[in-house]
Structure formats: structure tokens, C-alpha cells
Amino acid sequence: MDENRFKTDYREAMDSITVSDEEKARVIGMYEGSSNKIEDISRTGRRGLSKVAVALIALAGVLTLSGGVAWAMTNSALKDFFFKNSSEEFENVYTPVMAEYDLGNVKAVYEGSIYDKSTETGYLSFSFLDNEGNLIDLHNLNEVRYIDDNKYTNDNMLSFNTFTEGLKLGDDRFYLVLLNLDSCHTILDDNNLFIRFDRTYVPEDNKPFGFVVLNAEQFESLKAEVAQLDPDAIFAYTYDPVTDTVTSNFDKTAIVPQVLEILEKYNIYEVECIDTPAQEITVENMKIKVGRTDISLIYNVNNCEIDAFTLIRENGTRIDFTKEEYTIGYNSATTEETIGNMWTVSGIDSNGRFGGGFQEKDGESTLTYNFGFILGLDEKVKIEVNGDIYK
């Protein structure tokens, strides 16, 4: 690799980052004057630098591998997909990581995350490099597809309060085992794999959200270890003939402890969260929680008559939410339908209009949606319903 070219690319990339000139100078100086490993440089550089500047130090190692490709310096793929026009706010909520995993002919790079505790939603970003360090455009790879044979039935212990996502990248396989969450969306976009996750119904006393990254060999080893566990001993029940009730002798809301112990061998990465209180606005029978990245709608479908509302930002931007009904279930005996809701979001400049949630049998629902931008730390919004303004 041409070292002078690398330094030129590195300096040019620094110019596109919103950090101070002093921070840029320190980062460049640390890279050019140090032979330490990436993690050593990162640890040294943390004192007095912003999170973005620290990420740039760590990225020096990735750039070394990738021949000086400046794409990694911006860390903007996640922002551009979900949160356009939110550069300044992105820096405040994004946790850069840049951890690398060897898959064989491909290297996976966990770039970083956003996790908003107030709405229990978040985002993970991964990219992929070949063995020469070049960024891989997933659309140009010979074969990229989701792996179906890694899905589990409900009686499998590895599916108990975990999600497993598999991806075939040419001849290599990439697996994510995600812990303690309710749902996730997996999105492929050019060079990136994005995960949007939801933890609305995860009990407070469960361990924080984390995940494990595995290559093909590691995943097969994990499955083999889990298969050695005795499901009859773990999923034990007690029957009371007097009350004719069955009681489970294990925690249904937590990952099987024996499985968690196995997963810990593969280095669980715990995702850092931001814990800024959400703005809560009650409109009739609906509670609206507005976080930094997402909005949660909490209501009962049986007594909420709101069909549409508008979120109004301080700068006057209007984001419209419109309710749509659909049939969840049908009782053939009573001919009654169980109605559910989903919401469409319009007025945003984003590809990432993702969201949804759960509805209980009694109609109680919590639905959370991405609104296409990152709210300012001190920014206050208003909600408009039928011409009335709520704060």
C-alpha cells in the first residue's frame, strides 16, 4: 500500500467530519506518530476527544486494511438511510465501534449503533470488506441471500428470547444472534446490513440488549453445544391436580441461563444506549412518546378514535401519521373480527420508514415508528389532531 496515498486519503476524509480543527490535528498526529494497535490508539485518544473523533482513530486501522478507502471515515451509512439531514444530532446519539470479524473470504465490520432507551428502539450498522480490504457492494457479490436453514422452532432453546439472522455472502456465512429483544427488521442496502430492533416488552430486569457475531464454523459449534442440553430438565413444569393448573419452573421472559452461558463464550457485545427522557403527549385516549429517533403510540384499539395526527417540529416541519386497520383474526363461531392497526408515515426524507409492534388480546397496543430524523436534545414538538394543538 502507498503510505503517502493513505495519509492523503486519511486527511481528506477528516475534512468531511464535523469535529473541531484541534481534534482533527490530534487524531492525525496520533495516527502518524504511533505504531500501536488500533485499540491502544483508541484508548489513548479518548481523553478530551468527542465520540466521533475517537471513532476516527479506530478507523485508521480499517483504512490501513482497505488501502486508504475514505468511505469509512464518514460513518454516515446509517444516518443517510434512516436519518437524513440530522448530521449534528447523529453525532450526539451514535456510538461508533468499528469491530472486525473474520468470516473467511469476507470481513464483517460492526460500525456502530444507536439505541434510544426512552422508546426501546435502536439501530445496528454492519459493512463488509474483502480480504484485500476493499468495501464490498453486496449487489455485486456473486450470491447474497438470507439463510433460511438457521431458523428455529419454538421448542428450540436457541430461539428462546433470542433472534438469529443469517446471511450468505458468496461462499461465506454471517450470523447474528440477538439477545433480549421483541422484534427486528433486517435491511440490506448497497454496502451495509442494518438492523432496526425493538425491546418494548422486554422486562426491566432482563440483561441489556446485546448480540453475538459468528462465522459458519462458530455457528455450527454453537448449535452443537446447545443441542447437548436437556430440554426436559430445563423446560420443567409442575402440575397441581387440585387446581388443575400447570406452572412453569423456568423464567419465560429470559434467555435460558444454560444457553446464555454458552453464548458468553463467543463474546456478547452489549449495545450502549442513550437515556434521554421521551416527550410524552396525551391526546384523548392515546399516549404519544416522542424519543430522539422514534415515536411510540400507546393506546387501545377498542376505544381510540384518532385516525390521523401530525407531529410538528420547532422549525415547522410537519410529519403526518395515518392509521390503517387490518384483520388480525376471525372467530368463525361469533363471526367477529379482531382488528389491528398500523400507521403510515409521510413527509419525511428517508428510506427507513420502519415500525410496528404488538397488540394484546384486550386491544392494548404499543406501536413504534421511525420518523426519519433525529430530534434535537432540547427540541420540543407539538401534536396536531383535527386542528387542535397538544404539547
Protein backbone atom coordinates (compact mmCIF):
# COMPACT_ATOMS: atom_id res chain seq x y z
CA MET A 1 0.00 0.00 0.00
CA ASP A 2 1.16 3.52 -0.80
CA GLU A 3 1.61 5.11 2.64
CA ASN A 4 1.57 8.65 1.28
CA ARG A 5 -1.68 7.95 -0.54
CA PHE A 6 -3.16 6.58 2.68
CA LYS A 7 -2.21 9.72 4.63
CA THR A 8 -3.70 11.90 1.88
CA ASP A 9 -6.96 9.95 1.89
CA TYR A 10 -6.99 10.00 5.68
CA ARG A 11 -6.55 13.78 5.84
CA GLU A 12 -9.16 14.37 3.14
CA ALA A 13 -11.63 12.17 4.95
CA MET A 14 -11.01 14.07 8.16
CA ASP A 15 -12.12 17.26 6.40
CA SER A 16 -15.63 15.80 5.91
CA ILE A 17 -16.15 15.12 9.62
CA THR A 18 -17.83 17.58 11.95
CA VAL A 19 -15.17 17.71 14.65
CA SER A 20 -13.06 20.68 15.62
CA ASP A 21 -9.75 21.53 13.94
CA GLU A 22 -7.97 20.79 17.21
CA GLU A 23 -9.48 17.30 17.34
CA LYS A 24 -8.59 16.66 13.70
CA ALA A 25 -4.98 17.64 14.36
CA ARG A 26 -4.76 15.38 17.41
CA VAL A 27 -6.25 12.40 15.55
CA ILE A 28 -3.91 12.83 12.57
CA GLY A 29 -0.97 13.27 14.89
CA MET A 30 -1.82 10.15 16.88
CA TYR A 31 -2.10 8.06 13.73
CA GLU A 32 1.03 9.34 12.01
CA GLY A 33 3.13 9.22 15.16
CA SER A 34 2.06 5.87 16.59
CA SER A 35 2.70 2.23 15.81
CA ASN A 36 0.28 0.99 18.45
CA LYS A 37 -2.61 -1.32 17.69
CA ILE A 38 -5.99 0.21 16.94
CA GLU A 39 -7.38 -0.49 20.39
CA ASP A 40 -4.31 1.03 22.07
CA ILE A 41 -4.59 4.20 19.97
CA SER A 42 -8.31 4.42 20.70
CA ARG A 43 -7.78 4.05 24.44
CA THR A 44 -5.03 6.69 24.41
CA GLY A 45 -7.11 9.08 22.33
CA ARG A 46 -10.30 9.01 24.37
CA ARG A 47 -9.22 11.71 26.82
CA GLY A 48 -10.70 15.04 25.74
CA LEU A 49 -12.00 13.88 22.34
CA SER A 50 -15.58 13.52 21.13
CA LYS A 51 -17.02 10.10 20.26
CA VAL A 52 -16.70 10.83 16.54
CA ALA A 53 -13.03 11.77 16.91
CA VAL A 54 -12.36 8.56 18.85
CA ALA A 55 -14.08 6.61 16.07
CA LEU A 56 -11.75 8.21 13.54
CA ILE A 57 -8.72 6.97 15.46
CA ALA A 58 -10.08 3.43 15.44
CA LEU A 59 -10.91 3.77 11.76
CA ALA A 60 -7.24 4.27 10.94
CA GLY A 61 -6.82 0.52 11.26
CA VAL A 62 -9.74 -0.22 8.98
CA LEU A 63 -8.37 2.22 6.43
CA THR A 64 -4.97 0.55 6.63
CA LEU A 65 -6.64 -2.73 5.68
CA SER A 66 -8.75 -1.13 2.97
CA GLY A 67 -5.91 0.63 1.13
CA GLY A 68 -6.91 4.10 2.23
CA VAL A 69 -10.56 3.99 1.17
CA ALA A 70 -12.14 7.11 2.67
CA TRP A 71 -15.70 5.74 2.79
CA ALA A 72 -15.33 4.56 6.36
CA MET A 73 -14.40 7.96 7.73
CA THR A 74 -17.87 9.42 7.46
CA ASN A 75 -19.74 6.66 9.32
CA SER A 76 -22.79 8.05 7.55
CA ALA A 77 -24.46 4.98 6.02
CA LEU A 78 -26.79 4.53 8.98
CA LYS A 79 -27.54 8.26 9.10
CA ASP A 80 -28.16 8.54 5.36
CA PHE A 81 -30.52 5.58 5.31
CA PHE A 82 -32.66 6.39 8.36
CA PHE A 83 -31.91 9.98 9.42
CA LYS A 84 -31.10 12.31 6.55
CA ASN A 85 -30.41 15.96 7.40
CA SER A 86 -29.54 15.08 11.00
CA SER A 87 -25.72 15.20 10.91
CA GLU A 88 -25.18 17.21 14.11
CA GLU A 89 -27.74 15.23 16.10
CA PHE A 90 -26.37 11.95 14.73
CA GLU A 91 -23.01 12.56 16.38
CA ASN A 92 -24.75 13.01 19.75
CA VAL A 93 -26.66 9.72 19.70
CA TYR A 94 -24.41 7.42 17.64
CA THR A 95 -21.99 5.02 19.34
CA PRO A 96 -19.08 4.22 16.97
CA VAL A 97 -17.40 0.83 17.40
CA MET A 98 -15.63 -0.47 14.24
CA ALA A 99 -15.17 -4.06 15.44
CA GLU A 100 -13.97 -6.52 12.78
CA TYR A 101 -14.94 -10.19 12.37
CA ASP A 102 -13.26 -12.70 10.04
CA LEU A 103 -15.76 -14.75 8.02
CA GLY A 104 -13.27 -16.38 5.62
CA ASN A 105 -13.16 -14.51 2.30
CA VAL A 106 -15.11 -11.63 3.81
CA LYS A 107 -14.59 -9.44 6.86
CA ALA A 108 -17.64 -8.07 8.67
CA VAL A 109 -17.24 -4.67 10.33
CA TYR A 110 -19.66 -3.69 13.08
CA GLU A 111 -19.59 0.08 12.56
CA GLY A 112 -21.77 1.17 15.47
CA SER A 113 -25.24 1.68 16.90
CA ILE A 114 -28.00 3.94 18.09
CA TYR A 115 -30.16 2.74 20.98
CA ASP A 116 -32.83 5.07 22.36
CA LYS A 117 -33.83 3.78 25.78
CA SER A 118 -36.89 6.06 26.02
CA THR A 119 -38.69 4.23 23.21
CA GLU A 120 -36.71 0.96 23.49
CA THR A 121 -35.74 1.04 19.83
CA GLY A 122 -32.38 1.10 18.12
CA TYR A 123 -30.21 0.52 15.08
CA LEU A 124 -27.09 -1.52 14.27
CA SER A 125 -24.86 -0.98 11.23
CA PHE A 126 -22.54 -3.51 9.57
CA SER A 127 -20.41 -3.30 6.44
CA PHE A 128 -18.25 -5.88 4.67
CA LEU A 129 -14.70 -5.96 3.24
CA ASP A 130 -12.93 -8.50 1.05
CA ASN A 131 -9.52 -9.90 2.02
CA GLU A 132 -7.79 -7.07 0.17
CA GLY A 133 -9.64 -4.59 2.36
CA ASN A 134 -11.98 -3.31 -0.35
CA LEU A 135 -15.51 -2.38 0.58
CA ILE A 136 -17.97 -4.91 -0.84
CA ASP A 137 -21.04 -3.77 -2.75
CA LEU A 138 -23.47 -6.51 -1.76
CA HIS A 139 -25.37 -6.13 -5.04
CA ASN A 140 -22.22 -7.07 -6.99
CA LEU A 141 -21.35 -10.15 -4.93
CA ASN A 142 -21.98 -13.47 -6.69
CA GLU A 143 -24.58 -14.52 -4.15
CA VAL A 144 -26.11 -12.63 -1.24
CA ARG A 145 -29.19 -14.07 0.44
CA TYR A 146 -30.76 -14.60 3.81
CA ILE A 147 -30.20 -18.07 5.21
CA ASP A 148 -33.44 -19.90 5.97
CA ASP A 149 -31.98 -23.10 7.42
CA ASN A 150 -30.84 -21.34 10.61
CA LYS A 151 -34.40 -20.62 11.81
CA TYR A 152 -35.65 -22.47 14.83
CA THR A 153 -38.95 -23.81 16.05
CA ASN A 154 -40.35 -22.53 19.36
CA ASP A 155 -39.24 -25.61 21.24
CA ASN A 156 -35.60 -24.98 20.40
CA MET A 157 -33.67 -23.38 23.24
CA LEU A 158 -31.64 -21.12 20.99
CA SER A 159 -34.83 -19.38 19.83
CA PHE A 160 -35.97 -18.70 23.39
CA ASN A 161 -35.94 -14.87 23.71
CA THR A 162 -33.26 -14.59 21.02
CA PHE A 163 -33.33 -13.86 17.29
CA THR A 164 -30.92 -15.42 14.82
CA GLU A 165 -30.24 -13.73 11.48
CA GLY A 166 -28.09 -15.43 8.85
CA LEU A 167 -26.63 -14.06 5.64
CA LYS A 168 -24.80 -15.90 2.84
CA LEU A 169 -22.10 -13.70 1.28
CA GLY A 170 -20.64 -15.56 -1.70
CA ASP A 171 -19.01 -18.63 -0.15
CA ASP A 172 -19.12 -17.24 3.39
CA ARG A 173 -21.82 -17.15 6.04
CA PHE A 174 -22.51 -14.45 8.61
CA TYR A 175 -24.69 -14.97 11.68
CA LEU A 176 -26.09 -12.62 14.29
CA VAL A 177 -27.62 -13.95 17.49
CA LEU A 178 -29.51 -11.05 19.11
CA LEU A 179 -30.44 -11.27 22.79
CA ASN A 180 -33.34 -9.83 24.79
CA LEU A 181 -35.45 -8.10 22.18
CA ASP A 182 -39.01 -8.32 20.83
CA SER A 183 -38.50 -7.89 17.11
CA CYS A 184 -36.09 -6.71 14.45
CA HIS A 185 -36.04 -5.56 10.83
CA THR A 186 -33.05 -6.64 8.70
CA ILE A 187 -32.23 -4.35 5.76
CA LEU A 188 -29.58 -4.79 3.04
CA ASP A 189 -28.55 -1.57 1.30
CA ASP A 190 -25.55 -1.31 -1.03
CA ASN A 191 -22.54 -1.99 1.24
CA ASN A 192 -24.44 -2.28 4.51
CA LEU A 193 -26.54 -4.53 6.66
CA PHE A 194 -28.81 -2.59 9.03
CA ILE A 195 -30.77 -3.97 11.97
CA ARG A 196 -33.63 -1.97 13.49
CA PHE A 197 -34.63 -3.57 16.79
CA ASP A 198 -37.46 -3.14 19.30
CA ARG A 199 -37.41 -4.02 23.03
CA THR A 200 -40.76 -2.54 24.10
CA TYR A 201 -41.94 -5.60 26.02
CA VAL A 202 -38.60 -6.82 27.38
CA PRO A 203 -38.82 -6.91 31.22
CA GLU A 204 -36.80 -4.24 33.02
CA ASP A 205 -34.76 -6.77 34.99
CA ASN A 206 -33.51 -8.57 31.86
CA LYS A 207 -29.91 -8.01 30.90
CA PRO A 208 -29.27 -5.12 28.47
CA PHE A 209 -29.51 -5.78 24.77
CA GLY A 210 -26.52 -7.44 23.10
CA PHE A 211 -25.57 -9.70 20.24
CA VAL A 212 -23.02 -12.26 19.10
CA VAL A 213 -21.38 -12.29 15.64
CA LEU A 214 -20.46 -15.74 14.31
CA ASN A 215 -18.88 -17.19 11.20
CA ALA A 216 -20.05 -20.53 9.77
CA GLU A 217 -17.73 -22.68 11.90
CA GLN A 218 -18.60 -20.84 15.11
CA PHE A 219 -22.32 -21.08 14.41
CA GLU A 220 -22.17 -24.83 13.89
CA SER A 221 -20.20 -25.16 17.12
CA LEU A 222 -22.80 -23.08 18.98
CA LYS A 223 -25.64 -25.24 17.69
CA ALA A 224 -23.80 -28.42 18.68
CA GLU A 225 -23.25 -27.16 22.23
CA VAL A 226 -26.85 -26.12 22.66
CA ALA A 227 -28.04 -29.48 21.31
CA GLN A 228 -26.27 -31.19 24.22
CA LEU A 229 -28.58 -29.51 26.76
CA ASP A 230 -31.53 -31.45 28.15
CA PRO A 231 -34.78 -29.62 27.27
CA ASP A 232 -36.84 -31.79 29.64
CA ALA A 233 -34.70 -30.68 32.58
CA ILE A 234 -34.67 -27.02 31.56
CA PHE A 235 -38.31 -26.63 30.49
CA ALA A 236 -39.79 -28.33 33.54
CA TYR A 237 -43.42 -27.90 34.64
CA THR A 238 -45.36 -28.70 37.83
CA TYR A 239 -48.97 -29.90 37.65
CA ASP A 240 -51.39 -29.21 40.52
CA PRO A 241 -54.30 -31.71 40.33
CA VAL A 242 -56.33 -29.79 42.93
CA THR A 243 -56.48 -26.58 40.88
CA ASP A 244 -55.88 -28.35 37.56
CA THR A 245 -53.13 -25.86 36.71
CA VAL A 246 -49.68 -26.19 35.20
CA THR A 247 -46.86 -23.94 36.43
CA SER A 248 -43.60 -23.49 34.56
CA ASN A 249 -40.43 -23.88 36.62
CA PHE A 250 -38.38 -21.57 34.41
CA ASP A 251 -38.46 -17.89 33.54
CA LYS A 252 -40.40 -17.45 30.30
CA THR A 253 -39.23 -13.86 29.91
CA ALA A 254 -35.48 -14.55 29.95
CA ILE A 255 -32.95 -16.41 27.84
CA VAL A 256 -32.31 -19.94 29.07
CA PRO A 257 -29.39 -19.49 31.54
CA GLN A 258 -27.52 -22.51 30.17
CA VAL A 259 -27.80 -21.10 26.64
CA LEU A 260 -26.64 -17.67 27.81
CA GLU A 261 -23.62 -19.29 29.41
CA ILE A 262 -22.71 -20.87 26.07
CA LEU A 263 -23.26 -17.61 24.17
CA GLU A 264 -20.94 -15.77 26.54
CA LYS A 265 -18.06 -17.90 25.21
CA TYR A 266 -18.48 -16.13 21.88
CA ASN A 267 -18.14 -12.60 23.31
CA ILE A 268 -21.53 -10.93 23.64
CA TYR A 269 -21.33 -7.31 22.51
CA GLU A 270 -23.53 -5.18 24.77
CA VAL A 271 -25.09 -2.24 22.93
CA GLU A 272 -24.70 1.16 24.59
CA CYS A 273 -27.88 3.23 24.95
CA ILE A 274 -28.77 6.89 25.21
CA ASP A 275 -31.19 7.56 28.04
CA THR A 276 -32.82 10.91 27.25
CA PRO A 277 -36.42 11.06 28.53
CA ALA A 278 -39.04 11.00 25.80
CA GLN A 279 -41.58 13.79 25.40
CA GLU A 280 -44.98 12.39 26.40
CA ILE A 281 -48.14 13.93 24.99
CA THR A 282 -51.61 12.53 25.72
CA VAL A 283 -54.29 13.07 23.11
CA GLU A 284 -57.71 11.71 24.09
CA ASN A 285 -57.04 8.01 24.82
CA MET A 286 -53.66 7.83 23.13
CA LYS A 287 -50.28 8.41 24.77
CA ILE A 288 -47.61 9.56 22.33
CA LYS A 289 -43.95 9.17 23.35
CA VAL A 290 -41.52 11.09 21.16
CA GLY A 291 -37.90 9.93 21.51
CA ARG A 292 -34.79 11.14 19.72
CA THR A 293 -35.17 8.67 16.83
CA ASP A 294 -38.62 7.06 17.08
CA ILE A 295 -42.19 7.69 18.20
CA SER A 296 -44.30 5.26 20.27
CA LEU A 297 -48.10 5.21 20.12
CA ILE A 298 -49.73 3.61 23.17
CA TYR A 299 -53.48 3.06 23.09
CA ASN A 300 -56.32 0.53 22.99
CA VAL A 301 -57.70 -0.14 19.52
CA ASN A 302 -61.18 -0.57 21.01
CA ASN A 303 -61.55 2.95 22.40
CA CYS A 304 -59.17 5.19 20.41
CA GLU A 305 -60.88 7.18 17.68
CA ILE A 306 -57.83 9.06 16.43
CA ASP A 307 -57.30 8.21 12.76
CA ALA A 308 -54.53 10.69 11.98
CA PHE A 309 -52.25 13.23 13.59
CA THR A 310 -49.35 15.49 12.67
CA LEU A 311 -46.05 15.86 14.51
CA ILE A 312 -44.80 19.46 14.20
CA ARG A 313 -41.13 20.27 14.77
CA GLU A 314 -39.80 23.57 16.10
CA ASN A 315 -38.71 24.54 12.57
CA GLY A 316 -42.24 24.00 11.27
CA THR A 317 -41.63 20.63 9.58
CA ARG A 318 -44.79 18.53 9.59
CA ILE A 319 -44.74 14.71 9.73
CA ASP A 320 -48.12 13.07 9.10
CA PHE A 321 -49.26 9.78 10.68
CA THR A 322 -52.32 7.99 9.28
CA LYS A 323 -53.94 4.91 10.82
CA GLU A 324 -54.86 1.88 8.75
CA GLU A 325 -56.91 -1.05 10.05
CA TYR A 326 -56.44 -4.70 9.18
CA THR A 327 -57.86 -8.01 10.40
CA ILE A 328 -55.67 -9.89 12.88
CA GLY A 329 -58.04 -12.81 13.48
CA TYR A 330 -61.55 -14.09 12.81
CA ASN A 331 -63.85 -16.02 15.15
CA SER A 332 -65.92 -18.37 12.98
CA ALA A 333 -68.37 -19.08 15.82
CA THR A 334 -69.27 -15.45 16.52
CA THR A 335 -68.26 -14.06 13.09
CA GLU A 336 -66.33 -11.36 14.97
CA GLU A 337 -63.08 -9.97 13.61
CA THR A 338 -60.10 -8.90 15.69
CA ILE A 339 -58.95 -5.58 14.28
CA GLY A 340 -55.37 -4.36 14.43
CA ASN A 341 -53.74 -1.08 13.44
CA MET A 342 -50.69 0.05 11.53
CA TRP A 343 -49.64 3.61 10.74
CA THR A 344 -48.18 5.14 7.60
CA VAL A 345 -45.67 7.96 7.96
CA SER A 346 -45.34 10.68 5.32
CA GLY A 347 -43.47 13.95 4.98
CA ILE A 348 -40.01 12.56 5.73
CA ASP A 349 -36.88 12.31 3.57
CA SER A 350 -35.79 8.79 4.49
CA ASN A 351 -35.73 5.23 3.19
CA GLY A 352 -36.15 3.88 6.68
CA ARG A 353 -39.85 4.16 7.38
CA PHE A 354 -39.95 1.10 9.59
CA GLY A 355 -42.09 0.33 12.58
CA GLY A 356 -44.86 -1.67 14.17
CA GLY A 357 -45.43 -3.51 17.41
CA PHE A 358 -47.79 -5.75 19.29
CA GLN A 359 -51.46 -5.88 20.22
CA GLU A 360 -52.67 -7.71 23.30
CA LYS A 361 -55.90 -9.75 23.32
CA ASP A 362 -57.72 -6.91 25.07
CA GLY A 363 -56.67 -4.46 22.37
CA GLU A 364 -53.82 -2.73 24.22
CA SER A 365 -51.14 -1.76 21.71
CA THR A 366 -47.70 -0.17 21.63
CA LEU A 367 -46.59 0.69 18.10
CA THR A 368 -43.25 2.39 17.46
CA TYR A 369 -42.19 4.08 14.21
CA ASN A 370 -39.09 5.72 12.80
CA PHE A 371 -39.86 9.32 11.85
CA GLY A 372 -36.90 9.95 9.54
CA PHE A 373 -34.74 12.33 11.57
CA ILE A 374 -33.04 12.68 14.94
CA LEU A 375 -34.71 15.11 17.31
CA GLY A 376 -32.54 17.80 18.88
CA LEU A 377 -31.65 17.24 22.53
CA ASP A 378 -33.73 20.21 23.76
CA GLU A 379 -36.18 20.33 20.86
CA LYS A 380 -39.89 20.28 21.74
CA VAL A 381 -42.54 19.05 19.33
CA LYS A 382 -46.28 19.59 19.09
CA ILE A 383 -49.04 17.21 18.04
CA GLU A 384 -51.93 18.40 15.90
CA VAL A 385 -55.22 16.45 15.77
CA ASN A 386 -58.20 17.82 13.84
CA GLY A 387 -56.78 21.32 14.04
CA ASP A 388 -56.16 21.22 17.81
CA ILE A 389 -52.59 21.55 19.11
CA TYR A 390 -51.27 19.45 22.01
CA LYS A 391 -47.95 19.90 23.80
